[in-house]
N, C-alpha and C. Protein backbone atom coordinates (compact mmCIF):
# COMPACT_ATOMS: atom_id res chain seq x y z
N MET A 1 1.23 28.63 24.05
CA MET A 1 1.11 27.22 23.80
C MET A 1 1.72 26.71 22.56
N GLU A 2 2.08 26.21 23.11
CA GLU A 2 2.81 25.06 21.03
C GLU A 2 1.57 24.27 21.44
N LYS A 3 0.80 24.36 19.79
CA LYS A 3 -0.10 22.93 19.55
C LYS A 3 0.76 21.82 19.66
N GLN A 4 0.23 20.41 19.77
CA GLN A 4 0.25 18.89 19.74
C GLN A 4 0.67 18.90 18.12
N ILE A 5 1.11 17.87 18.09
CA ILE A 5 1.55 17.36 16.79
C ILE A 5 -0.04 16.90 16.76
N ARG A 6 -0.26 16.75 15.59
CA ARG A 6 -1.73 15.81 15.23
C ARG A 6 -1.09 14.06 14.54
N GLN A 7 -2.29 13.49 15.07
CA GLN A 7 -1.49 11.71 14.00
C GLN A 7 -2.47 11.49 13.32
N ILE A 8 -2.06 11.18 11.69
CA ILE A 8 -2.67 10.51 11.06
C ILE A 8 -2.45 8.51 11.33
N LEU A 9 -2.94 7.43 10.95
CA LEU A 9 -2.77 6.05 10.82
C LEU A 9 -2.60 5.38 9.91
N PHE A 10 -1.81 4.97 9.17
CA PHE A 10 -1.88 4.31 8.14
C PHE A 10 -2.20 2.65 8.99
N SER A 11 -2.86 2.25 8.45
CA SER A 11 -2.99 0.33 8.55
C SER A 11 -3.95 -0.40 7.68
N CYS A 12 -2.85 -1.35 7.64
CA CYS A 12 -3.10 -2.56 6.57
C CYS A 12 -3.03 -4.03 7.05
N THR A 13 -2.61 -4.87 6.46
CA THR A 13 -2.74 -6.55 7.40
C THR A 13 -1.03 -6.53 7.87
N LEU A 14 -0.21 -6.57 7.63
CA LEU A 14 0.83 -6.58 8.02
C LEU A 14 1.70 -5.36 7.90
N ASN A 15 1.70 -4.57 7.76
CA ASN A 15 2.19 -3.62 8.37
C ASN A 15 4.01 -3.32 7.79
N ALA A 16 3.73 -4.06 6.39
CA ALA A 16 4.62 -4.14 5.54
C ALA A 16 4.77 -3.66 4.67
N ILE A 17 4.09 -3.16 3.65
CA ILE A 17 3.81 -2.71 2.89
C ILE A 17 3.16 -1.47 2.66
N ARG A 18 2.12 -1.41 1.93
CA ARG A 18 0.75 -0.65 1.74
C ARG A 18 1.14 0.60 3.08
N SER A 19 0.87 0.43 4.91
CA SER A 19 0.89 1.31 5.46
C SER A 19 1.70 1.50 5.82
N VAL A 20 3.20 0.81 6.08
CA VAL A 20 4.78 1.32 5.59
C VAL A 20 4.58 2.84 4.82
N MET A 21 5.11 2.12 3.18
CA MET A 21 4.26 3.41 1.79
C MET A 21 4.19 4.30 1.97
N ALA A 22 3.01 4.30 2.67
CA ALA A 22 1.55 5.27 3.05
C ALA A 22 2.11 6.71 3.77
N GLU A 23 2.51 5.84 5.06
CA GLU A 23 3.18 6.36 6.36
C GLU A 23 4.67 7.47 5.67
N ALA A 24 5.42 6.52 4.93
CA ALA A 24 6.33 7.30 4.21
C ALA A 24 6.45 8.75 3.56
N PHE A 25 5.59 8.08 2.88
CA PHE A 25 5.21 9.41 2.17
C PHE A 25 4.43 10.90 2.48
N PHE A 26 3.12 10.53 3.97
CA PHE A 26 2.30 11.11 4.33
C PHE A 26 3.63 12.36 4.84
N ASN A 27 4.35 11.52 5.78
CA ASN A 27 5.41 12.68 6.02
C ASN A 27 6.83 13.37 5.69
N ARG A 28 6.51 12.43 4.48
CA ARG A 28 7.49 13.61 3.57
C ARG A 28 6.60 14.87 3.02
N ILE A 29 5.88 14.78 3.00
CA ILE A 29 4.80 16.06 2.50
C ILE A 29 3.77 16.84 3.27
N ALA A 30 3.74 15.72 4.32
CA ALA A 30 3.16 16.53 5.92
C ALA A 30 2.74 18.25 6.34
N PRO A 31 1.11 17.58 6.22
CA PRO A 31 1.52 19.67 6.69
C PRO A 31 1.37 19.95 8.05
N VAL A 32 2.29 20.82 8.14
CA VAL A 32 2.42 21.45 9.34
C VAL A 32 2.29 21.16 10.33
N GLY A 33 2.66 20.30 11.50
CA GLY A 33 1.53 20.24 12.78
C GLY A 33 1.15 18.66 12.40
N TRP A 34 0.88 18.26 12.11
CA TRP A 34 0.97 16.17 11.60
C TRP A 34 1.54 15.58 11.57
N ARG A 35 1.54 14.48 11.58
CA ARG A 35 2.99 13.24 11.20
C ARG A 35 1.99 12.39 10.99
N GLY A 36 2.67 10.95 10.43
CA GLY A 36 1.54 9.67 10.12
C GLY A 36 2.63 8.77 10.67
N VAL A 37 1.96 7.62 11.21
CA VAL A 37 2.21 6.53 11.53
C VAL A 37 1.60 5.78 11.70
N SER A 38 1.90 4.68 11.74
CA SER A 38 1.41 3.12 10.56
C SER A 38 1.69 1.91 11.61
N CYS A 39 0.33 1.14 11.48
CA CYS A 39 -0.17 -0.26 12.14
C CYS A 39 -0.10 -1.65 11.18
N GLY A 40 -0.37 -2.60 11.06
CA GLY A 40 -1.08 -3.87 10.54
C GLY A 40 -2.10 -3.94 12.04
N VAL A 41 -2.92 -5.57 10.80
CA VAL A 41 -3.94 -6.45 12.50
C VAL A 41 -2.46 -6.90 12.93
N ILE A 42 -1.95 -7.14 12.19
CA ILE A 42 -0.34 -8.06 13.05
C ILE A 42 1.28 -8.11 11.92
N ALA A 43 2.22 -8.08 12.97
CA ALA A 43 3.02 -7.57 12.64
C ALA A 43 3.82 -8.36 11.32
N GLY A 44 4.30 -7.71 10.68
CA GLY A 44 4.87 -9.15 9.64
C GLY A 44 5.99 -8.48 9.24
N PRO A 45 7.51 -9.23 8.54
CA PRO A 45 8.56 -8.85 8.68
C PRO A 45 8.81 -8.10 7.74
N ALA A 46 9.41 -7.56 7.67
CA ALA A 46 10.69 -5.93 6.34
C ALA A 46 9.72 -7.09 5.34
N ASP A 47 9.70 -6.19 4.67
CA ASP A 47 9.67 -6.08 2.65
C ASP A 47 10.32 -5.94 1.85
N GLY A 48 11.42 -6.55 1.98
CA GLY A 48 12.40 -5.82 1.07
C GLY A 48 12.09 -5.12 -0.57
N PHE A 49 10.97 -5.44 -1.44
CA PHE A 49 10.47 -4.78 -2.22
C PHE A 49 10.17 -3.76 -1.62
N THR A 50 9.67 -3.38 -0.50
CA THR A 50 9.15 -2.38 -0.44
C THR A 50 10.30 -1.27 -0.28
N PHE A 51 11.29 -1.67 0.35
CA PHE A 51 12.25 -0.50 0.22
C PHE A 51 12.97 -0.10 -0.99
N ALA A 52 13.21 -1.41 -1.73
CA ALA A 52 13.49 -1.02 -3.23
C ALA A 52 12.48 -0.28 -3.69
N VAL A 53 11.46 -0.31 -3.93
CA VAL A 53 10.82 0.89 -4.74
C VAL A 53 10.66 2.17 -4.23
N MET A 54 10.82 2.71 -2.41
CA MET A 54 10.96 3.58 -1.54
C MET A 54 11.78 4.22 -2.04
N GLU A 55 13.43 3.44 -2.84
CA GLU A 55 14.11 4.12 -3.06
C GLU A 55 14.49 4.72 -3.63
N GLU A 56 13.46 3.53 -5.08
CA GLU A 56 13.78 4.93 -6.22
C GLU A 56 13.01 6.41 -6.98
N LYS A 57 12.19 5.88 -5.27
CA LYS A 57 11.38 7.76 -5.66
C LYS A 57 12.15 8.62 -4.06
N GLU A 58 13.44 8.16 -4.27
CA GLU A 58 14.78 8.83 -2.84
C GLU A 58 13.89 8.96 -1.49
N ILE A 59 13.04 7.90 -1.16
CA ILE A 59 12.80 8.04 0.13
C ILE A 59 13.15 6.57 0.89
N SER A 60 13.85 6.72 2.10
CA SER A 60 14.37 5.96 2.69
C SER A 60 14.47 5.23 3.48
N LEU A 61 13.54 3.60 4.07
CA LEU A 61 13.00 2.80 5.23
C LEU A 61 13.62 3.10 5.78
N ASP A 62 13.66 2.62 7.28
CA ASP A 62 14.82 1.69 8.04
C ASP A 62 14.60 0.29 7.48
N MET A 63 15.15 -0.35 7.76
CA MET A 63 15.50 -2.00 7.80
C MET A 63 15.01 -2.25 8.54
N HIS A 64 14.87 -1.42 9.84
CA HIS A 64 15.83 -2.58 11.22
C HIS A 64 14.28 -2.31 11.99
N ARG A 65 12.82 -0.85 11.14
CA ARG A 65 11.79 -0.67 11.63
C ARG A 65 10.85 -1.95 12.03
N GLN A 66 10.56 -1.74 14.01
CA GLN A 66 9.33 -2.89 14.24
C GLN A 66 8.04 -2.57 13.56
N SER A 67 7.84 -3.51 12.93
CA SER A 67 6.21 -2.90 12.58
C SER A 67 5.95 -3.14 13.41
N GLN A 68 4.18 -2.19 13.85
CA GLN A 68 3.45 -2.26 14.92
C GLN A 68 2.35 -3.35 14.52
N ILE A 69 1.36 -3.05 16.07
CA ILE A 69 0.14 -3.52 15.76
C ILE A 69 -1.27 -2.07 16.04
N PHE A 70 -2.48 -2.74 16.17
CA PHE A 70 -3.49 -1.89 16.47
C PHE A 70 -3.41 -1.61 18.32
N SER A 71 -3.27 -2.10 19.19
CA SER A 71 -2.88 -2.67 20.52
C SER A 71 -1.10 -1.82 20.39
N ASP A 72 -1.06 -1.03 19.84
CA ASP A 72 0.60 -0.75 20.11
C ASP A 72 -0.36 0.87 20.52
N PHE A 73 -1.82 1.42 19.94
CA PHE A 73 -1.59 2.21 19.68
C PHE A 73 -3.43 3.57 20.91
N ASN A 74 -3.29 3.84 20.72
CA ASN A 74 -4.16 4.44 21.35
C ASN A 74 -5.54 4.75 20.67
N SER A 75 -7.14 4.78 20.71
CA SER A 75 -7.52 5.38 19.78
C SER A 75 -7.33 7.29 20.13
N ASN A 76 -7.31 8.18 20.46
CA ASN A 76 -7.10 8.97 21.62
C ASN A 76 -6.56 9.97 20.84
N GLU A 77 -5.78 8.49 21.06
CA GLU A 77 -3.42 9.42 20.29
C GLU A 77 -3.81 9.64 18.59
N ILE A 78 -4.50 9.15 17.92
CA ILE A 78 -5.43 8.71 16.55
C ILE A 78 -6.52 10.43 16.22
N ASP A 79 -5.82 11.56 15.28
CA ASP A 79 -6.68 12.73 14.76
C ASP A 79 -7.37 11.92 13.67
N TYR A 80 -6.99 11.17 13.29
CA TYR A 80 -7.24 10.59 11.32
C TYR A 80 -6.62 9.49 11.23
N ALA A 81 -7.66 8.52 11.07
CA ALA A 81 -7.02 6.92 10.33
C ALA A 81 -7.90 6.24 8.76
N VAL A 82 -6.23 5.71 8.29
CA VAL A 82 -7.05 5.45 6.50
C VAL A 82 -6.53 3.76 7.23
N THR A 83 -7.05 2.76 6.24
CA THR A 83 -6.97 1.96 6.14
C THR A 83 -6.91 1.22 4.61
N LEU A 84 -5.67 0.22 4.38
CA LEU A 84 -5.14 0.00 3.46
C LEU A 84 -5.74 -1.87 2.65
N SER A 85 -6.57 -1.88 4.24
CA SER A 85 -7.08 -3.54 4.59
C SER A 85 -8.50 -3.69 4.26
N ILE A 86 -9.33 -4.40 3.55
CA ILE A 86 -10.37 -5.24 4.35
C ILE A 86 -9.78 -4.95 6.57
N GLU A 87 -9.12 -6.36 6.57
CA GLU A 87 -8.88 -6.80 7.97
C GLU A 87 -8.28 -5.69 8.32
N ALA A 88 -7.53 -4.39 8.62
CA ALA A 88 -7.47 -3.29 8.87
C ALA A 88 -8.35 -2.39 9.23
N GLN A 89 -9.14 -2.32 8.07
CA GLN A 89 -10.75 -1.76 8.40
C GLN A 89 -11.56 -2.11 9.48
N TYR A 90 -11.96 -3.87 9.04
CA TYR A 90 -12.53 -3.92 10.45
C TYR A 90 -11.95 -4.18 11.80
N HIS A 91 -9.86 -4.14 11.57
CA HIS A 91 -9.56 -3.72 13.91
C HIS A 91 -10.63 -2.64 13.90
N LEU A 92 -10.65 -1.09 13.18
CA LEU A 92 -10.54 -0.01 12.57
C LEU A 92 -11.41 0.03 13.72
N ASP A 93 -12.97 -0.49 12.70
CA ASP A 93 -13.86 -0.73 12.99
C ASP A 93 -14.49 -0.68 14.49
N LYS A 94 -13.38 -1.86 15.50
CA LYS A 94 -13.88 -1.53 16.73
C LYS A 94 -13.32 -0.52 17.96
N TRP A 95 -12.64 0.66 16.87
CA TRP A 95 -12.66 2.22 17.37
C TRP A 95 -13.62 2.89 17.61
N GLY A 96 -14.59 1.97 16.64
CA GLY A 96 -16.06 3.03 16.66
C GLY A 96 -15.74 4.34 16.30
N LYS A 97 -16.75 4.95 16.06
CA LYS A 97 -16.67 6.83 15.10
C LYS A 97 -15.65 7.29 16.03
N SER A 98 -15.29 7.02 17.12
CA SER A 98 -14.42 7.96 17.47
C SER A 98 -13.09 8.60 16.81
N VAL A 99 -12.52 8.05 15.99
CA VAL A 99 -11.85 8.68 15.16
C VAL A 99 -12.09 8.68 13.90
N PRO A 100 -12.33 9.69 12.90
CA PRO A 100 -12.79 10.00 11.60
C PRO A 100 -11.33 9.08 10.78
N GLN A 101 -12.23 8.32 9.99
CA GLN A 101 -11.33 7.42 9.15
C GLN A 101 -11.90 7.25 7.18
N GLU A 102 -10.95 6.90 6.74
CA GLU A 102 -11.25 6.61 5.51
C GLU A 102 -10.51 5.29 4.93
N HIS A 103 -11.22 4.19 3.89
CA HIS A 103 -10.19 3.21 3.67
C HIS A 103 -10.43 3.44 2.02
N TRP A 104 -8.95 2.97 1.70
CA TRP A 104 -8.51 2.99 0.59
C TRP A 104 -8.93 1.52 -0.06
N ILE A 105 -8.76 1.28 -1.11
CA ILE A 105 -8.85 -0.03 -1.80
C ILE A 105 -7.41 0.42 -2.75
N VAL A 106 -6.63 -0.60 -2.27
CA VAL A 106 -5.70 -1.23 -2.50
C VAL A 106 -5.33 -2.73 -2.50
N LYS A 107 -4.49 -3.38 -3.57
CA LYS A 107 -4.52 -4.78 -3.31
C LYS A 107 -3.32 -4.92 -3.06
N GLU A 108 -3.21 -6.34 -2.77
CA GLU A 108 -2.05 -6.48 -2.10
C GLU A 108 -0.78 -6.94 -3.56
N PRO A 109 0.30 -6.74 -3.27
CA PRO A 109 1.10 -7.20 -4.14
C PRO A 109 1.65 -8.47 -4.44
N PHE A 110 1.36 -9.05 -3.40
CA PHE A 110 1.66 -11.13 -3.49
C PHE A 110 1.37 -11.76 -4.46
N SER A 111 2.52 -12.10 -5.04
CA SER A 111 2.44 -13.31 -6.26
C SER A 111 3.50 -14.00 -6.43
N SER A 112 4.09 -14.97 -5.54
CA SER A 112 5.38 -15.50 -4.98
C SER A 112 5.64 -16.58 -6.02
N ASP A 113 5.09 -16.35 -7.51
CA ASP A 113 5.95 -17.63 -8.62
C ASP A 113 6.08 -15.91 -10.07
N ASP A 114 5.57 -14.96 -9.65
CA ASP A 114 6.20 -13.78 -10.58
C ASP A 114 7.89 -14.34 -10.76
N SER A 115 8.04 -13.32 -11.31
CA SER A 115 10.24 -13.19 -11.35
C SER A 115 10.01 -12.04 -10.76
N ARG A 116 11.42 -11.61 -10.39
CA ARG A 116 11.43 -9.99 -9.17
C ARG A 116 11.35 -9.38 -10.49
N GLU A 117 11.54 -8.86 -11.40
CA GLU A 117 10.65 -8.08 -12.19
C GLU A 117 9.78 -7.38 -12.07
N ASN A 118 8.78 -8.20 -12.70
CA ASN A 118 7.61 -8.81 -12.31
C ASN A 118 6.84 -8.26 -11.00
N GLN A 119 7.96 -8.74 -10.17
CA GLN A 119 7.00 -8.35 -8.87
C GLN A 119 7.62 -6.52 -8.24
N LEU A 120 8.75 -6.78 -8.28
CA LEU A 120 8.94 -5.32 -8.42
C LEU A 120 7.95 -4.08 -9.30
N LYS A 121 7.08 -4.46 -10.57
CA LYS A 121 5.94 -3.53 -11.51
C LYS A 121 5.06 -3.07 -10.45
N GLN A 122 5.12 -4.44 -10.08
CA GLN A 122 3.28 -4.98 -9.09
C GLN A 122 3.47 -3.86 -7.76
N TYR A 123 4.66 -3.54 -7.16
CA TYR A 123 4.67 -2.65 -5.89
C TYR A 123 4.63 -1.75 -6.19
N ARG A 124 5.48 -0.71 -7.54
CA ARG A 124 5.58 -0.33 -7.78
C ARG A 124 4.04 0.21 -8.55
N LEU A 125 3.43 -0.53 -8.78
CA LEU A 125 1.96 0.40 -9.45
C LEU A 125 0.99 0.44 -7.85
N ILE A 126 1.43 0.05 -6.47
CA ILE A 126 0.79 -0.24 -5.59
C ILE A 126 1.69 1.18 -4.74
N ARG A 127 2.70 1.44 -4.93
CA ARG A 127 3.69 2.46 -4.69
C ARG A 127 3.28 3.59 -5.06
N ASP A 128 3.31 3.97 -6.70
CA ASP A 128 2.32 4.60 -7.62
C ASP A 128 0.42 5.44 -6.56
N GLU A 129 -0.17 4.65 -6.30
CA GLU A 129 -1.48 4.43 -5.96
C GLU A 129 -1.97 5.28 -4.75
N ILE A 130 -0.97 4.22 -3.81
CA ILE A 130 -0.09 5.20 -2.43
C ILE A 130 -0.15 6.47 -2.83
N SER A 131 1.03 6.85 -3.21
CA SER A 131 1.20 7.80 -3.55
C SER A 131 -0.08 9.10 -3.93
N THR A 132 -0.86 8.50 -4.54
CA THR A 132 -1.60 9.41 -5.67
C THR A 132 -2.66 9.67 -4.48
N HIS A 133 -2.76 8.91 -3.40
CA HIS A 133 -3.75 8.96 -2.34
C HIS A 133 -3.40 9.37 -1.12
N VAL A 134 -1.82 9.28 -1.22
CA VAL A 134 -1.74 10.05 -0.11
C VAL A 134 -1.47 11.83 -0.59
N TYR A 135 -1.13 12.41 -1.43
CA TYR A 135 -1.36 13.65 -1.77
C TYR A 135 -2.89 13.98 -2.03
N GLU A 136 -3.58 13.62 -2.44
CA GLU A 136 -4.76 14.29 -1.93
C GLU A 136 -5.49 14.36 -1.33
N LEU A 137 -5.18 13.49 0.20
CA LEU A 137 -5.38 13.31 1.32
C LEU A 137 -4.66 14.56 1.99
N VAL A 138 -3.63 14.83 1.72
CA VAL A 138 -2.58 16.09 2.03
C VAL A 138 -2.97 17.38 1.86
N LYS A 139 -3.66 17.42 0.80
CA LYS A 139 -4.78 17.88 0.01
C LYS A 139 -5.75 19.09 0.93
N ARG A 140 -6.46 17.88 1.29
CA ARG A 140 -7.92 17.98 2.04
C ARG A 140 -6.95 18.27 3.40
N ILE A 141 -6.46 17.53 3.88
CA ILE A 141 -5.68 17.92 5.26
C ILE A 141 -5.97 19.62 5.28
N GLY A 142 -4.84 19.43 4.65
CA GLY A 142 -4.28 21.36 4.70
C GLY A 142 -5.70 22.74 4.11
N ASN A 143 -6.45 22.13 3.40
CA ASN A 143 -7.24 22.33 3.44
C ASN A 143 -8.25 23.49 4.55
N SER A 144 -8.21 21.98 5.17
CA SER A 144 -9.68 21.90 6.38
C SER A 144 -8.60 22.84 7.28
N THR A 145 -7.30 23.15 7.47
CA THR A 145 -6.56 23.59 8.61
C THR A 145 -6.67 25.26 8.82
C-alpha cells in the first residue's frame, strides 16, 4: 500500500507574499512524501514583487494562482502547520492542538512610499529569511522520518 502524501500548511495574512514564498521553497526541496500548501486569513491579490524575487531564485510562481484561506482546508488534512503572521497564528489556534505547529516571525514587506528598488530589497530580505527557515524545517522533518 502506497503511503499517503503528508501536507504542511504555510499561512500568513493574505496568502500573497510570505506563505507563497514558503510553500514554493518547501515544494522545491520537500522530503519524499511531503508537499506544501498555503493559505491566508483573507485572500489577497497576486503580488508582482513576490513573483519577481522568486524568479531571481529560479522559482516560477503561477501568476493566475488563486489565493486560499483557512476555510479551504480541513485540519485533519494537514500534518504540520507554520504561521508567518500574528493573524494567521490566531486563526490556526482555532484548530486547537490537533495540528503540530510553529510560528515564524517574518515582517511584512509593505512600504508604499519606497522606490521600486527599495521595495525589491525588502522582499529579497524576507525571501532569504523564509528560505533559511524552510531549509531548517526540511532538515528537521527529514531527520524525524
